């Protein structure tokens, strides 16, 4: 991930949940907030309700890949937390990407398309 660093601090996650904007989709919930830097920070959350560790890790890998493939389309300077939902484990990957981009569009995270 070229312009993104991991987000790991618990207080940053909590601040995003409390003060960030969110968009809910079938596969993921995306929280975003400006961070005042020229790069993005990404956090991925998979709760125990999703299932066993192998399922949570699969959801994390799929979310990370979805983000990586679409990273160049996102604006920079945001903290982004993606919370997995159960469909992220084994739902259709293309549909998951489209859903992620819809959530990003709702949060105005997508760069302006140049004609």
Protein backbone atom coordinates (compact mmCIF):
# COMPACT_ATOMS: atom_id res chain seq x y z
CA UNK A 1 0.00 0.00 0.00
CA UNK A 2 1.79 2.98 -1.38
CA UNK A 3 0.22 5.92 0.46
CA UNK A 4 -1.12 4.17 3.52
CA UNK A 5 0.30 3.22 6.89
CA UNK A 6 -1.37 0.96 9.46
CA UNK A 7 -3.52 2.49 12.15
CA UNK A 8 -2.95 0.64 15.41
CA UNK A 9 -3.61 2.91 18.38
CA UNK A 10 -6.82 2.22 20.27
CA UNK A 11 -7.54 5.88 21.05
CA UNK A 12 -7.41 6.74 17.33
CA UNK A 13 -9.95 3.98 16.58
CA UNK A 14 -12.22 5.24 19.35
CA UNK A 15 -11.96 8.86 18.16
CA UNK A 16 -12.89 7.75 14.64
CA UNK A 17 -15.93 5.81 15.89
CA UNK A 18 -17.04 8.81 17.96
CA UNK A 19 -16.30 11.74 15.65
CA UNK A 20 -15.74 10.28 12.19
CA UNK A 21 -18.27 9.89 9.41
CA UNK A 22 -19.50 6.40 8.61
CA UNK A 23 -21.10 4.54 5.73
CA UNK A 24 -22.68 1.11 6.10
CA UNK A 25 -22.70 -1.55 3.41
CA UNK A 26 -23.42 -5.25 3.12
CA UNK A 27 -19.77 -6.27 3.41
CA UNK A 28 -18.14 -3.56 5.49
CA UNK A 29 -18.73 -0.42 7.52
CA UNK A 30 -16.30 2.38 6.65
CA UNK A 31 -15.38 5.16 9.10
CA UNK A 32 -13.33 8.12 7.89
CA UNK A 33 -11.94 11.36 9.26
CA UNK A 34 -9.32 13.86 8.08
CA UNK A 35 -5.98 13.33 9.81
CA UNK A 36 -4.01 16.45 8.85
CA UNK A 37 -1.23 14.58 7.02
CA UNK A 38 -0.58 13.88 3.35
CA UNK A 39 -1.10 10.13 3.70
CA UNK A 40 -3.83 7.76 4.77
CA UNK A 41 -3.90 5.52 7.82
CA UNK A 42 -5.88 2.28 7.59
CA UNK A 43 -7.31 0.16 10.39
CA UNK A 44 -9.23 -3.07 9.87
CA UNK A 45 -11.49 -4.52 12.55
CA UNK A 46 -12.98 -7.99 12.62
CA UNK A 47 -15.03 -8.77 15.69
CA UNK A 48 -15.32 -12.15 17.38
CA UNK A 49 -18.94 -12.39 16.19
CA UNK A 50 -17.63 -13.09 12.67
CA UNK A 51 -16.52 -16.57 13.69
CA UNK A 52 -13.30 -18.45 14.18
CA UNK A 53 -9.87 -16.91 13.75
CA UNK A 54 -9.50 -18.43 10.30
CA UNK A 55 -12.70 -16.66 9.17
CA UNK A 56 -11.67 -13.33 10.71
CA UNK A 57 -8.25 -13.55 9.04
CA UNK A 58 -9.84 -14.34 5.68
CA UNK A 59 -12.11 -11.30 6.03
CA UNK A 60 -9.08 -9.14 6.92
CA UNK A 61 -7.12 -10.36 3.90
CA UNK A 62 -10.04 -9.71 1.55
CA UNK A 63 -10.58 -6.21 2.97
CA UNK A 64 -6.87 -5.39 2.75
CA UNK A 65 -6.80 -6.52 -0.90
CA UNK A 66 -9.94 -4.54 -1.73
CA UNK A 67 -8.34 -1.44 -0.22
CA UNK A 68 -5.01 -2.07 -2.00
CA UNK A 69 -6.66 -2.43 -5.41
CA UNK A 70 -8.62 0.81 -4.99
CA UNK A 71 -6.12 2.86 -2.99
CA UNK A 72 -5.14 5.03 -5.97
CA UNK A 73 -8.77 6.17 -6.32
CA UNK A 74 -8.95 7.53 -2.75
CA UNK A 75 -8.09 11.03 -1.57
CA UNK A 76 -5.13 11.35 0.78
CA UNK A 77 -5.08 12.73 4.30
CA UNK A 78 -7.67 10.50 5.97
CA UNK A 79 -7.84 7.98 8.77
CA UNK A 80 -9.94 5.07 7.53
CA UNK A 81 -11.26 2.22 9.67
CA UNK A 82 -13.01 -0.66 7.95
CA UNK A 83 -15.17 -2.94 10.08
CA UNK A 84 -15.90 -6.36 8.57
CA UNK A 85 -19.40 -7.78 8.39
CA UNK A 86 -20.16 -11.47 7.92
CA UNK A 87 -20.57 -11.19 4.13
CA UNK A 88 -16.90 -10.11 3.91
CA UNK A 89 -15.79 -13.66 4.69
CA UNK A 90 -17.10 -15.44 1.61
CA UNK A 91 -19.24 -13.02 -0.40
CA UNK A 92 -18.50 -12.25 -4.06
CA UNK A 93 -15.21 -10.34 -4.23
CA UNK A 94 -16.20 -8.09 -7.17
CA UNK A 95 -19.42 -7.14 -5.41
CA UNK A 96 -17.41 -6.44 -2.26
CA UNK A 97 -15.19 -4.01 -4.19
CA UNK A 98 -18.18 -2.21 -5.69
CA UNK A 99 -19.76 -1.95 -2.24
CA UNK A 100 -16.53 -0.56 -0.76
CA UNK A 101 -16.33 2.08 -3.50
CA UNK A 102 -19.98 3.05 -2.88
CA UNK A 103 -19.20 3.54 0.83
CA UNK A 104 -16.16 5.65 -0.07
CA UNK A 105 -18.26 7.75 -2.46
CA UNK A 106 -20.81 8.39 0.31
CA UNK A 107 -17.97 9.63 2.53
CA UNK A 108 -16.51 11.74 -0.33
CA UNK A 109 -13.23 9.81 -0.18
CA UNK A 110 -12.96 9.24 -3.93
CA UNK A 111 -10.80 11.54 -6.03
CA UNK A 112 -12.57 13.60 -8.66
CA UNK A 113 -12.67 11.71 -11.95
CA UNK A 114 -10.89 13.59 -14.73
CA UNK A 115 -12.63 13.33 -18.12
